[in-house]
Amino acid sequence: MLGRIAIHLGKDAGLARRLDTAIKLAGQNNAELVGVYPAGPSALSYDDPVIPSSLTKMLRDREADVEAEVKALFTEKTEQAGVKAQWRAPRGPAEDSLALHARYCDLLVMSKVGKEAVNEFNASLPEAVIMAAGRPVLMIPAVGAIPSIGKRILFCWDHRREAARAFADAAPFLESCSELVVLCVDHEPGDLRYNDVQADDFAAFCAARGYPKPLETIKKSEGIGVGNVILNTATDHGSDLIVMGAYGHSRMRRWIMGGASEVLLGSMTVPVLLSH
């Protein structure tokens, strides 16, 4: 059960879509929704003497208008849905603000942000937040219907720490899902046998937790890449949620696992839950 959900708010093309999804999740879980609008700092320094005071005022007024518009939408939609909600507008880098507020919630809802975003949002923001938050981030796709989330789950399993963390973080969805597909890509079982890991250990863990019996599938990425294997498998099984670990060096923010995370974030058609 999700008790408190955070959502990234900003005036961008994905706002209404992710807000509707977050409100739906909050309603289903009787959860509180925390709207986080990272409000600055501005890309332009208002203290720069080169900038005319008239332009400074215009920029400040514009940013205030955008914030008021987003807050009004958030308030209207949450009140209509009867969802308990809080509005937060922290000052500072968006990455730090979102990661910090996510740590006081069970889940952070985000989506890929395009160049049309008004304030400090950029294409790498979700990846940066995922790496820093310490909480799962639910990425909402830009296209495709979202009638349900977490009823038919595809879990990407490679026996590593990040994947195990993601599976644990997905517990609120796993507890009520009807189907669990476990995908291993380019799996080499030799090391697991050497370490006395049994073939049915994962199924035993799921049974102990009361999750559905996992349907395990092993596929090769040769020729298409890991990310595309994941997307194709989700389509084949009609999955409405992909769960996977996020991999990368926190300083360089370079993603590995064959670029799977990057491919998914760029091409996803169903929500993706990522944990690091």
C-alpha atoms as a PDB file:
ATOM      1  CA  MET A   1       0.000   0.000   0.000  1.00  0.00           C
ATOM      2  CA  LEU A   2       1.259   3.444  -0.922  1.00  0.00           C
ATOM      3  CA  GLY A   3       0.760   5.955   1.877  1.00  0.00           C
ATOM      4  CA  ARG A   4       2.377   9.081   0.434  1.00  0.00           C
ATOM      5  CA  ILE A   5       3.114   9.847  -3.210  1.00  0.00           C
ATOM      6  CA  ALA A   6       5.196  12.727  -4.561  1.00  0.00           C
ATOM      7  CA  ILE A   7       4.737  14.131  -8.042  1.00  0.00           C
ATOM      8  CA  HIS A   8       7.010  16.375 -10.066  1.00  0.00           C
ATOM      9  CA  LEU A   9       5.084  19.477 -11.124  1.00  0.00           C
ATOM     10  CA  GLY A  10       6.165  21.838 -13.874  1.00  0.00           C
ATOM     11  CA  LYS A  11       4.609  23.425 -16.925  1.00  0.00           C
ATOM     12  CA  ASP A  12       5.485  20.905 -19.608  1.00  0.00           C
ATOM     13  CA  ALA A  13       3.621  18.732 -22.084  1.00  0.00           C
ATOM     14  CA  GLY A  14       3.451  15.745 -19.720  1.00  0.00           C
ATOM     15  CA  LEU A  15       2.031  17.565 -16.690  1.00  0.00           C
ATOM     16  CA  ALA A  16      -1.677  16.770 -17.080  1.00  0.00           C
ATOM     17  CA  ARG A  17      -0.967  13.147 -17.972  1.00  0.00           C
ATOM     18  CA  ARG A  18       1.277  12.388 -14.999  1.00  0.00           C
ATOM     19  CA  LEU A  19      -0.943  14.388 -12.642  1.00  0.00           C
ATOM     20  CA  ASP A  20      -3.999  12.363 -13.649  1.00  0.00           C
ATOM     21  CA  THR A  21      -2.021   9.149 -13.151  1.00  0.00           C
ATOM     22  CA  ALA A  22      -0.695  10.208  -9.745  1.00  0.00           C
ATOM     23  CA  ILE A  23      -4.166  11.232  -8.579  1.00  0.00           C
ATOM     24  CA  LYS A  24      -5.544   7.878  -9.688  1.00  0.00           C
ATOM     25  CA  LEU A  25      -2.825   6.039  -7.754  1.00  0.00           C
ATOM     26  CA  ALA A  26      -3.403   8.185  -4.675  1.00  0.00           C
ATOM     27  CA  GLY A  27      -7.127   7.500  -4.807  1.00  0.00           C
ATOM     28  CA  GLN A  28      -6.639   3.746  -5.181  1.00  0.00           C
ATOM     29  CA  ASN A  29      -4.292   3.648  -2.189  1.00  0.00           C
ATOM     30  CA  ASN A  30      -6.008   6.314  -0.060  1.00  0.00           C
ATOM     31  CA  ALA A  31      -2.642   8.060  -0.160  1.00  0.00           C
ATOM     32  CA  GLU A  32      -1.605  11.665   0.299  1.00  0.00           C
ATOM     33  CA  LEU A  33      -0.281  13.387  -2.825  1.00  0.00           C
ATOM     34  CA  VAL A  34       2.596  15.851  -2.467  1.00  0.00           C
ATOM     35  CA  GLY A  35       3.030  18.160  -5.440  1.00  0.00           C
ATOM     36  CA  VAL A  36       6.641  19.325  -5.779  1.00  0.00           C
ATOM     37  CA  TYR A  37       7.196  22.366  -7.999  1.00  0.00           C
ATOM     38  CA  PRO A  38      10.937  23.146  -8.104  1.00  0.00           C
ATOM     39  CA  ALA A  39      10.719  26.911  -8.420  1.00  0.00           C
ATOM     40  CA  GLY A  40      14.282  27.968  -9.053  1.00  0.00           C
ATOM     41  CA  PRO A  41      16.836  29.319  -9.244  1.00  0.00           C
ATOM     42  CA  SER A  42      16.097  31.054 -12.508  1.00  0.00           C
ATOM     43  CA  ALA A  43      18.331  30.438 -15.495  1.00  0.00           C
ATOM     44  CA  LEU A  44      19.033  34.193 -15.507  1.00  0.00           C
ATOM     45  CA  SER A  45      20.514  35.974 -12.526  1.00  0.00           C
ATOM     46  CA  TYR A  46      18.223  38.778 -11.444  1.00  0.00           C
ATOM     47  CA  ASP A  47      21.130  40.440  -9.679  1.00  0.00           C
ATOM     48  CA  ASP A  48      23.119  40.856 -12.877  1.00  0.00           C
ATOM     49  CA  PRO A  49      23.513  44.618 -13.420  1.00  0.00           C
ATOM     50  CA  VAL A  50      23.583  44.035 -17.180  1.00  0.00           C
ATOM     51  CA  ILE A  51      19.921  42.994 -17.144  1.00  0.00           C
ATOM     52  CA  PRO A  52      17.535  45.985 -17.219  1.00  0.00           C
ATOM     53  CA  SER A  53      15.220  46.232 -14.230  1.00  0.00           C
ATOM     54  CA  SER A  54      12.202  46.163 -16.535  1.00  0.00           C
ATOM     55  CA  LEU A  55      13.305  42.806 -17.947  1.00  0.00           C
ATOM     56  CA  THR A  56      13.987  41.485 -14.461  1.00  0.00           C
ATOM     57  CA  LYS A  57      10.452  42.364 -13.400  1.00  0.00           C
ATOM     58  CA  MET A  58       8.991  40.788 -16.530  1.00  0.00           C
ATOM     59  CA  LEU A  59      10.880  37.535 -15.921  1.00  0.00           C
ATOM     60  CA  ARG A  60       9.864  37.394 -12.276  1.00  0.00           C
ATOM     61  CA  ASP A  61       6.240  38.068 -13.144  1.00  0.00           C
ATOM     62  CA  ARG A  62       6.299  35.381 -15.807  1.00  0.00           C
ATOM     63  CA  GLU A  63       7.722  32.786 -13.434  1.00  0.00           C
ATOM     64  CA  ALA A  64       5.154  33.733 -10.787  1.00  0.00           C
ATOM     65  CA  ASP A  65       2.343  33.377 -13.329  1.00  0.00           C
ATOM     66  CA  VAL A  66       3.544  29.932 -14.387  1.00  0.00           C
ATOM     67  CA  GLU A  67       3.790  28.760 -10.779  1.00  0.00           C
ATOM     68  CA  ALA A  68       0.293  30.072 -10.018  1.00  0.00           C
ATOM     69  CA  GLU A  69      -1.093  28.327 -13.101  1.00  0.00           C
ATOM     70  CA  VAL A  70       0.426  24.964 -12.167  1.00  0.00           C
ATOM     71  CA  LYS A  71      -0.688  25.298  -8.544  1.00  0.00           C
ATOM     72  CA  ALA A  72      -4.249  26.098  -9.623  1.00  0.00           C
ATOM     73  CA  LEU A  73      -4.350  22.995 -11.835  1.00  0.00           C
ATOM     74  CA  PHE A  74      -2.949  20.797  -9.054  1.00  0.00           C
ATOM     75  CA  THR A  75      -5.419  22.160  -6.504  1.00  0.00           C
ATOM     76  CA  GLU A  76      -8.393  21.858  -8.839  1.00  0.00           C
ATOM     77  CA  LYS A  77      -7.697  18.273  -9.879  1.00  0.00           C
ATOM     78  CA  THR A  78      -6.909  16.961  -6.395  1.00  0.00           C
ATOM     79  CA  GLU A  79      -9.985  18.614  -4.898  1.00  0.00           C
ATOM     80  CA  GLN A  80     -12.209  17.208  -7.636  1.00  0.00           C
ATOM     81  CA  ALA A  81     -10.834  13.728  -6.960  1.00  0.00           C
ATOM     82  CA  GLY A  82     -11.154  14.073  -3.191  1.00  0.00           C
ATOM     83  CA  VAL A  83      -7.459  13.327  -2.728  1.00  0.00           C
ATOM     84  CA  LYS A  84      -5.566  14.734   0.242  1.00  0.00           C
ATOM     85  CA  ALA A  85      -2.820  16.929  -1.195  1.00  0.00           C
ATOM     86  CA  GLN A  86       0.026  19.256  -0.290  1.00  0.00           C
ATOM     87  CA  TRP A  87       1.767  21.849  -2.463  1.00  0.00           C
ATOM     88  CA  ARG A  88       5.509  22.424  -2.157  1.00  0.00           C
ATOM     89  CA  ALA A  89       7.557  24.977  -4.130  1.00  0.00           C
ATOM     90  CA  PRO A  90      11.172  24.549  -2.967  1.00  0.00           C
ATOM     91  CA  ARG A  91      13.835  27.015  -4.089  1.00  0.00           C
ATOM     92  CA  GLY A  92      16.971  25.455  -5.465  1.00  0.00           C
ATOM     93  CA  PRO A  93      18.125  23.005  -8.132  1.00  0.00           C
ATOM     94  CA  ALA A  94      15.271  20.815  -9.357  1.00  0.00           C
ATOM     95  CA  GLU A  95      17.282  17.608  -9.022  1.00  0.00           C
ATOM     96  CA  ASP A  96      18.053  18.226  -5.342  1.00  0.00           C
ATOM     97  CA  SER A  97      14.534  19.402  -4.480  1.00  0.00           C
ATOM     98  CA  LEU A  98      12.786  16.441  -6.072  1.00  0.00           C
ATOM     99  CA  ALA A  99      15.190  13.889  -4.606  1.00  0.00           C
ATOM    100  CA  LEU A 100      14.810  15.369  -1.116  1.00  0.00           C
ATOM    101  CA  HIS A 101      11.009  15.436  -1.152  1.00  0.00           C
ATOM    102  CA  ALA A 102      10.889  11.912  -2.613  1.00  0.00           C
ATOM    103  CA  ARG A 103      12.647  10.607   0.503  1.00  0.00           C
ATOM    104  CA  TYR A 104       9.601  11.531   2.577  1.00  0.00           C
ATOM    105  CA  CYS A 105       7.278   9.560   0.280  1.00  0.00           C
ATOM    106  CA  ASP A 106       6.827   5.999  -0.930  1.00  0.00           C
ATOM    107  CA  LEU A 107       7.023   6.906  -4.603  1.00  0.00           C
ATOM    108  CA  LEU A 108       7.865   9.802  -6.922  1.00  0.00           C
ATOM    109  CA  VAL A 109       5.924  10.212 -10.179  1.00  0.00           C
ATOM    110  CA  MET A 110       7.770  11.807 -13.096  1.00  0.00           C
ATOM    111  CA  SER A 111       7.855  11.808 -16.886  1.00  0.00           C
ATOM    112  CA  LYS A 112      10.373  12.724 -19.545  1.00  0.00           C
ATOM    113  CA  VAL A 113      10.449  16.490 -19.935  1.00  0.00           C
ATOM    114  CA  GLY A 114      10.949  18.088 -23.333  1.00  0.00           C
ATOM    115  CA  LYS A 115      12.589  21.335 -24.340  1.00  0.00           C
ATOM    116  CA  GLU A 116       9.286  23.175 -23.978  1.00  0.00           C
ATOM    117  CA  ALA A 117       9.546  23.179 -20.167  1.00  0.00           C
ATOM    118  CA  VAL A 118       9.498  26.666 -18.672  1.00  0.00           C
ATOM    119  CA  ASN A 119      11.771  26.540 -15.655  1.00  0.00           C
ATOM    120  CA  GLU A 120      14.719  24.409 -14.567  1.00  0.00           C
ATOM    121  CA  PHE A 121      13.816  21.151 -16.243  1.00  0.00           C
ATOM    122  CA  ASN A 122      15.841  19.294 -18.822  1.00  0.00           C
ATOM    123  CA  ALA A 123      15.985  15.941 -20.527  1.00  0.00           C
ATOM    124  CA  SER A 124      18.419  14.455 -17.978  1.00  0.00           C
ATOM    125  CA  LEU A 125      16.416  15.459 -14.895  1.00  0.00           C
ATOM    126  CA  PRO A 126      14.579  12.131 -14.376  1.00  0.00           C
ATOM    127  CA  GLU A 127      17.812  10.142 -14.606  1.00  0.00           C
ATOM    128  CA  ALA A 128      19.529  12.449 -12.122  1.00  0.00           C
ATOM    129  CA  VAL A 129      16.647  12.214  -9.647  1.00  0.00           C
ATOM    130  CA  ILE A 130      16.423   8.425  -9.952  1.00  0.00           C
ATOM    131  CA  MET A 131      20.103   8.125  -9.093  1.00  0.00           C
ATOM    132  CA  ALA A 132      19.884  10.513  -6.124  1.00  0.00           C
ATOM    133  CA  ALA A 133      16.463   9.992  -4.539  1.00  0.00           C
ATOM    134  CA  GLY A 134      16.801   6.699  -2.694  1.00  0.00           C
ATOM    135  CA  ARG A 135      13.144   6.076  -3.522  1.00  0.00           C
ATOM    136  CA  PRO A 136      11.465   4.430  -6.507  1.00  0.00           C
ATOM    137  CA  VAL A 137      10.532   6.698  -9.392  1.00  0.00           C
ATOM    138  CA  LEU A 138       7.514   5.885 -11.549  1.00  0.00           C
ATOM    139  CA  MET A 139       8.056   7.191 -15.069  1.00  0.00           C
ATOM    140  CA  ILE A 140       4.887   7.933 -17.038  1.00  0.00           C
ATOM    141  CA  PRO A 141       5.048   7.509 -20.838  1.00  0.00           C
ATOM    142  CA  ALA A 142       4.238  10.396 -23.135  1.00  0.00           C
ATOM    143  CA  VAL A 143       1.890   8.317 -25.289  1.00  0.00           C
ATOM    144  CA  GLY A 144      -0.461   5.369 -24.941  1.00  0.00           C
ATOM    145  CA  ALA A 145      -3.490   4.691 -22.776  1.00  0.00           C
ATOM    146  CA  ILE A 146      -2.921   3.947 -19.075  1.00  0.00           C
ATOM    147  CA  PRO A 147      -6.064   2.082 -17.973  1.00  0.00           C
ATOM    148  CA  SER A 148      -4.200   0.349 -15.135  1.00  0.00           C
ATOM    149  CA  ILE A 149      -0.797   0.272 -13.468  1.00  0.00           C
ATOM    150  CA  GLY A 150       0.666  -2.819 -11.838  1.00  0.00           C
ATOM    151  CA  LYS A 151      -1.912  -5.470 -12.639  1.00  0.00           C
ATOM    152  CA  ARG A 152       0.413  -7.234 -15.111  1.00  0.00           C
ATOM    153  CA  ILE A 153       4.015  -6.626 -14.103  1.00  0.00           C
ATOM    154  CA  LEU A 154       7.180  -7.269 -16.082  1.00  0.00           C
ATOM    155  CA  PHE A 155      10.221  -7.455 -13.812  1.00  0.00           C
ATOM    156  CA  CYS A 156      13.720  -7.241 -15.297  1.00  0.00           C
ATOM    157  CA  TRP A 157      15.939  -9.514 -13.226  1.00  0.00           C
ATOM    158  CA  ASP A 158      19.722  -9.853 -13.453  1.00  0.00           C
ATOM    159  CA  HIS A 159      20.418 -10.934  -9.845  1.00  0.00           C
ATOM    160  CA  ARG A 160      22.092  -7.611  -9.012  1.00  0.00           C
ATOM    161  CA  ARG A 161      21.543  -5.172  -6.160  1.00  0.00           C
ATOM    162  CA  GLU A 162      19.695  -2.531  -8.180  1.00  0.00           C
ATOM    163  CA  ALA A 163      17.194  -5.036  -9.552  1.00  0.00           C
ATOM    164  CA  ALA A 164      16.595  -6.496  -6.091  1.00  0.00           C
ATOM    165  CA  ARG A 165      16.000  -2.978  -4.749  1.00  0.00           C
ATOM    166  CA  ALA A 166      13.506  -2.264  -7.515  1.00  0.00           C
ATOM    167  CA  PHE A 167      11.618  -5.491  -6.814  1.00  0.00           C
ATOM    168  CA  ALA A 168      11.383  -4.635  -3.117  1.00  0.00           C
ATOM    169  CA  ASP A 169      10.229  -1.094  -3.925  1.00  0.00           C
ATOM    170  CA  ALA A 170       7.512  -2.492  -6.202  1.00  0.00           C
ATOM    171  CA  ALA A 171       5.878  -4.375  -3.301  1.00  0.00           C
ATOM    172  CA  PRO A 172       2.751  -2.149  -3.198  1.00  0.00           C
ATOM    173  CA  PHE A 173       2.055  -3.132  -6.813  1.00  0.00           C
ATOM    174  CA  LEU A 174       3.156  -6.772  -6.508  1.00  0.00           C
ATOM    175  CA  GLU A 175       0.779  -7.349  -3.607  1.00  0.00           C
ATOM    176  CA  SER A 176      -2.231  -6.810  -5.857  1.00  0.00           C
ATOM    177  CA  CYS A 177      -0.989  -7.825  -9.314  1.00  0.00           C
ATOM    178  CA  SER A 178      -2.539 -10.709 -11.219  1.00  0.00           C
ATOM    179  CA  GLU A 179       0.479 -11.588 -13.390  1.00  0.00           C
ATOM    180  CA  LEU A 180       4.228 -11.414 -12.844  1.00  0.00           C
ATOM    181  CA  VAL A 181       6.609 -12.000 -15.738  1.00  0.00           C
ATOM    182  CA  VAL A 182      10.304 -12.201 -14.852  1.00  0.00           C
ATOM    183  CA  LEU A 183      12.638 -11.380 -17.728  1.00  0.00           C
ATOM    184  CA  CYS A 184      16.319 -12.315 -17.780  1.00  0.00           C
ATOM    185  CA  VAL A 185      18.286 -10.972 -20.742  1.00  0.00           C
ATOM    186  CA  ASP A 186      21.585 -12.580 -21.776  1.00  0.00           C
ATOM    187  CA  HIS A 187      21.447 -14.699 -18.629  1.00  0.00           C
ATOM    188  CA  GLU A 188      24.519 -16.759 -17.709  1.00  0.00           C
ATOM    189  CA  PRO A 189      23.560 -19.120 -14.855  1.00  0.00           C
ATOM    190  CA  GLY A 190      27.058 -20.472 -14.154  1.00  0.00           C
ATOM    191  CA  ASP A 191      27.971 -18.045 -11.371  1.00  0.00           C
ATOM    192  CA  LEU A 192      24.660 -18.621  -9.611  1.00  0.00           C
ATOM    193  CA  ARG A 193      25.160 -22.395  -9.552  1.00  0.00           C
ATOM    194  CA  TYR A 194      28.661 -21.867  -8.173  1.00  0.00           C
ATOM    195  CA  ASN A 195      27.191 -19.772  -5.341  1.00  0.00           C
ATOM    196  CA  ASP A 196      24.514 -22.402  -4.632  1.00  0.00           C
ATOM    197  CA  VAL A 197      21.569 -20.281  -5.786  1.00  0.00           C
ATOM    198  CA  GLN A 198      18.737 -22.634  -6.728  1.00  0.00           C
ATOM    199  CA  ALA A 199      16.604 -22.240  -9.844  1.00  0.00           C
ATOM    200  CA  ASP A 200      13.430 -21.943  -7.799  1.00  0.00           C
ATOM    201  CA  ASP A 201      14.728 -19.480  -5.183  1.00  0.00           C
ATOM    202  CA  PHE A 202      13.016 -16.520  -6.832  1.00  0.00           C
ATOM    203  CA  ALA A 203       9.700 -18.375  -7.055  1.00  0.00           C
ATOM    204  CA  ALA A 204      10.055 -19.361  -3.405  1.00  0.00           C
ATOM    205  CA  PHE A 205      10.583 -15.732  -2.428  1.00  0.00           C
ATOM    206  CA  CYS A 206       7.479 -14.671  -4.368  1.00  0.00           C
ATOM    207  CA  ALA A 207       5.420 -17.418  -2.716  1.00  0.00           C
ATOM    208  CA  ALA A 208       6.617 -16.347   0.725  1.00  0.00           C
ATOM    209  CA  ARG A 209       5.490 -12.789  -0.028  1.00  0.00           C
ATOM    210  CA  GLY A 210       2.122 -13.843  -1.418  1.00  0.00           C
ATOM    211  CA  TYR A 211       2.939 -12.654  -4.949  1.00  0.00           C
ATOM    212  CA  PRO A 212       1.735 -14.479  -8.069  1.00  0.00           C
ATOM    213  CA  LYS A 213       3.845 -17.383  -9.291  1.00  0.00           C
ATOM    214  CA  PRO A 214       6.411 -15.799 -11.621  1.00  0.00           C
ATOM    215  CA  LEU A 215       6.469 -16.693 -15.280  1.00  0.00           C
ATOM    216  CA  GLU A 216      10.172 -16.692 -16.100  1.00  0.00           C
ATOM    217  CA  THR A 217      11.461 -15.961 -19.591  1.00  0.00           C
ATOM    218  CA  ILE A 218      15.046 -15.787 -20.841  1.00  0.00           C
ATOM    219  CA  LYS A 219      15.917 -13.852 -24.001  1.00  0.00           C
ATOM    220  CA  LYS A 220      18.959 -12.711 -25.948  1.00  0.00           C
ATOM    221  CA  SER A 221      19.631  -9.086 -26.823  1.00  0.00           C
ATOM    222  CA  GLU A 222      21.845  -9.740 -29.835  1.00  0.00           C
ATOM    223  CA  GLY A 223      20.950  -7.436 -32.700  1.00  0.00           C
ATOM    224  CA  ILE A 224      18.336  -5.290 -30.945  1.00  0.00           C
ATOM    225  CA  GLY A 225      19.713  -4.387 -27.502  1.00  0.00           C
ATOM    226  CA  VAL A 226      18.457  -5.026 -23.981  1.00  0.00           C
ATOM    227  CA  GLY A 227      16.080  -2.054 -23.908  1.00  0.00           C
ATOM    228  CA  ASN A 228      14.208  -3.188 -26.994  1.00  0.00           C
ATOM    229  CA  VAL A 229      13.993  -6.752 -25.667  1.00  0.00           C
ATOM    230  CA  ILE A 230      12.297  -5.375 -22.553  1.00  0.00           C
ATOM    231  CA  LEU A 231       9.854  -3.243 -24.536  1.00  0.00           C
ATOM    232  CA  ASN A 232       9.003  -6.122 -26.876  1.00  0.00           C
ATOM    233  CA  THR A 233       8.442  -8.508 -23.977  1.00  0.00           C
ATOM    234  CA  ALA A 234       6.144  -6.008 -22.262  1.00  0.00           C
ATOM    235  CA  THR A 235       4.096  -5.772 -25.454  1.00  0.00           C
ATOM    236  CA  ASP A 236       3.964  -9.554 -25.887  1.00  0.00           C
ATOM    237  CA  HIS A 237       2.580 -10.054 -22.382  1.00  0.00           C
ATOM    238  CA  GLY A 238       0.352  -6.986 -22.249  1.00  0.00           C
ATOM    239  CA  SER A 239       2.283  -5.690 -19.239  1.00  0.00           C
ATOM    240  CA  ASP A 240       1.049  -2.433 -17.697  1.00  0.00           C
ATOM    241  CA  LEU A 241       4.144  -1.842 -15.527  1.00  0.00           C
ATOM    242  CA  ILE A 242       7.846  -2.504 -16.057  1.00  0.00           C
ATOM    243  CA  VAL A 243       9.999  -2.798 -12.928  1.00  0.00           C
ATOM    244  CA  MET A 244      13.772  -2.574 -13.211  1.00  0.00           C
ATOM    245  CA  GLY A 245      16.921  -1.359 -11.520  1.00  0.00           C
ATOM    246  CA  ALA A 246      18.640   1.812 -12.688  1.00  0.00           C
ATOM    247  CA  TYR A 247      22.351   1.458 -13.251  1.00  0.00           C
ATOM    248  CA  GLY A 248      25.020   4.085 -13.633  1.00  0.00           C
ATOM    249  CA  HIS A 249      27.876   6.072 -12.162  1.00  0.00           C
ATOM    250  CA  SER A 250      26.335   8.800 -10.022  1.00  0.00           C
ATOM    251  CA  ARG A 251      28.966  11.436 -10.906  1.00  0.00           C
ATOM    252  CA  MET A 252      29.037  10.877 -14.659  1.00  0.00           C
ATOM    253  CA  ARG A 253      25.384   9.811 -14.897  1.00  0.00           C
ATOM    254  CA  ARG A 254      26.376   7.314 -17.518  1.00  0.00           C
ATOM    255  CA  TRP A 255      23.881   4.474 -17.803  1.00  0.00           C
ATOM    256  CA  ILE A 256      24.922   0.924 -18.494  1.00  0.00           C
ATOM    257  CA  MET A 257      23.075  -2.420 -18.854  1.00  0.00           C
ATOM    258  CA  GLY A 258      23.352  -1.997 -22.619  1.00  0.00           C
ATOM    259  CA  GLY A 259      21.644   1.400 -22.417  1.00  0.00           C
ATOM    260  CA  ALA A 260      18.416  -0.327 -21.374  1.00  0.00           C
ATOM    261  CA  SER A 261      17.326   2.381 -18.963  1.00  0.00           C
ATOM    262  CA  GLU A 262      17.933   5.120 -21.518  1.00  0.00           C
ATOM    263  CA  VAL A 263      16.076   3.215 -24.246  1.00  0.00           C
ATOM    264  CA  LEU A 264      13.126   2.604 -21.945  1.00  0.00           C
ATOM    265  CA  LEU A 265      12.864   6.228 -20.859  1.00  0.00           C
ATOM    266  CA  GLY A 266      12.973   7.363 -24.463  1.00  0.00           C
ATOM    267  CA  SER A 267      10.578   4.804 -25.954  1.00  0.00           C
ATOM    268  CA  MET A 268       8.358   3.529 -23.141  1.00  0.00           C
ATOM    269  CA  THR A 269       4.669   2.968 -23.840  1.00  0.00           C
ATOM    270  CA  VAL A 270       3.788   1.724 -20.341  1.00  0.00           C
ATOM    271  CA  PRO A 271       4.841   3.122 -16.952  1.00  0.00           C
ATOM    272  CA  VAL A 272       8.299   2.112 -15.729  1.00  0.00           C
ATOM    273  CA  LEU A 273       9.273   1.888 -12.063  1.00  0.00           C
ATOM    274  CA  LEU A 274      13.007   2.393 -11.533  1.00  0.00           C
ATOM    275  CA  SER A 275      15.131   2.191  -8.404  1.00  0.00           C
ATOM    276  CA  HIS A 276      18.830   2.650  -7.810  1.00  0.00           C
END
